[in-house]
Amino acid sequence: MDKRLLDILCCPVSKTPVRPLNSSELSALNKAIDAGQVVSVAGAAVQGRLSEGLITVDRKVVYRVEDGIPVMLPEEGIGTTQLTDFPAAA
């Protein structure tokens, strides 16, 4: 993802900056999605695995990226507190 775009993107609710998910975070999230354990902020089950995502720098919300386009809709966010095996902050 373009660095200039990342520099201006932020969570639409908290206005917290975002960064790309690292491989261990993405793997943990997809494992939980595969197990049917992930819901969006709106309460809908997250069905498809993410190939790419953005996470707020406070590590509270993940937004998926589809075909290189960030989906920054508040109701589409995925709260990380529901992820029991999510990697600890580095």
Protein backbone atom coordinates (compact mmCIF):
# COMPACT_ATOMS: atom_id res chain seq x y z
CA MET A 1 0.00 0.00 0.00
CA ASP A 2 1.19 3.47 -0.87
CA LYS A 3 2.97 5.15 2.07
CA ARG A 4 1.34 8.49 1.26
CA LEU A 5 -2.11 6.90 1.57
CA LEU A 6 -1.17 5.26 4.88
CA ASP A 7 0.00 8.61 6.20
CA ILE A 8 -3.48 10.13 5.78
CA LEU A 9 -5.68 7.15 6.69
CA CYS A 10 -7.13 6.84 10.18
CA CYS A 11 -9.94 5.10 12.00
CA PRO A 12 -13.17 6.91 11.03
CA VAL A 13 -14.44 6.72 14.63
CA SER A 14 -11.44 7.37 16.89
CA LYS A 15 -9.25 9.14 14.30
CA THR A 16 -6.38 6.88 15.39
CA PRO A 17 -3.75 6.32 12.65
CA VAL A 18 -3.53 2.88 11.05
CA ARG A 19 -0.71 0.64 9.89
CA PRO A 20 -0.65 -2.60 7.87
CA LEU A 21 -1.26 -5.85 9.74
CA ASN A 22 1.94 -7.84 10.12
CA SER A 23 2.03 -11.50 9.10
CA SER A 24 1.50 -12.90 12.61
CA GLU A 25 -1.48 -10.59 13.23
CA LEU A 26 -3.00 -11.48 9.87
CA SER A 27 -2.49 -15.19 10.50
CA ALA A 28 -4.11 -15.03 13.95
CA LEU A 29 -7.07 -13.07 12.59
CA ASN A 30 -7.61 -15.49 9.69
CA LYS A 31 -7.38 -18.47 12.04
CA ALA A 32 -10.17 -16.96 14.16
CA ILE A 33 -12.22 -16.16 11.03
CA ASP A 34 -11.83 -19.77 9.84
CA ALA A 35 -13.12 -20.94 13.23
CA GLY A 36 -16.18 -18.69 12.90
CA GLN A 37 -15.20 -16.65 15.95
CA VAL A 38 -15.03 -13.14 14.46
CA VAL A 39 -17.77 -10.53 14.15
CA SER A 40 -17.63 -7.00 12.82
CA VAL A 41 -18.35 -3.95 14.95
CA ALA A 42 -21.92 -4.14 13.57
CA GLY A 43 -22.23 -7.72 14.92
CA ALA A 44 -22.14 -9.50 11.55
CA ALA A 45 -20.05 -12.66 11.24
CA VAL A 46 -16.86 -12.09 9.26
CA GLN A 47 -16.96 -14.74 6.54
CA GLY A 48 -13.93 -14.33 4.30
CA ARG A 49 -10.26 -14.48 5.17
CA LEU A 50 -8.28 -11.26 4.82
CA SER A 51 -5.35 -11.14 2.44
CA GLU A 52 -4.45 -7.70 3.73
CA GLY A 53 -5.64 -5.42 6.51
CA LEU A 54 -5.00 -2.25 8.45
CA ILE A 55 -4.95 -2.00 12.23
CA THR A 56 -5.16 1.10 14.38
CA VAL A 57 -1.86 1.89 16.07
CA ASP A 58 -3.53 1.31 19.45
CA ARG A 59 -4.32 -2.23 18.15
CA LYS A 60 -8.05 -1.99 18.87
CA VAL A 61 -9.65 -2.19 15.40
CA VAL A 62 -8.79 -3.93 12.12
CA TYR A 63 -10.08 -2.81 8.72
CA ARG A 64 -9.87 -5.11 5.72
CA VAL A 65 -8.25 -4.13 2.44
CA GLU A 66 -9.93 -5.47 -0.70
CA ASP A 67 -8.05 -5.35 -4.02
CA GLY A 68 -5.73 -2.72 -2.56
CA ILE A 69 -8.62 -0.52 -1.37
CA PRO A 70 -9.04 0.03 2.39
CA VAL A 71 -12.61 -0.53 3.62
CA MET A 72 -12.72 2.11 6.34
CA LEU A 73 -16.44 1.91 7.18
CA PRO A 74 -17.06 2.04 10.95
CA GLU A 75 -19.49 -0.91 10.86
CA GLU A 76 -16.97 -3.06 8.94
CA GLY A 77 -14.25 -2.74 11.58
CA ILE A 78 -13.16 -5.83 13.51
CA GLY A 79 -12.48 -5.32 17.21
CA THR A 80 -9.34 -7.11 18.37
CA THR A 81 -10.55 -7.75 21.94
CA GLN A 82 -12.55 -10.73 20.62
CA LEU A 83 -9.36 -12.40 19.34
CA THR A 84 -7.99 -14.62 22.09
CA ASP A 85 -4.80 -15.62 20.21
CA PHE A 86 -3.96 -12.19 18.80
CA PRO A 87 -0.21 -11.52 19.05
CA ALA A 88 0.96 -9.14 21.76
CA ALA A 89 2.31 -5.74 20.77
CA ALA A 90 5.93 -5.85 19.74
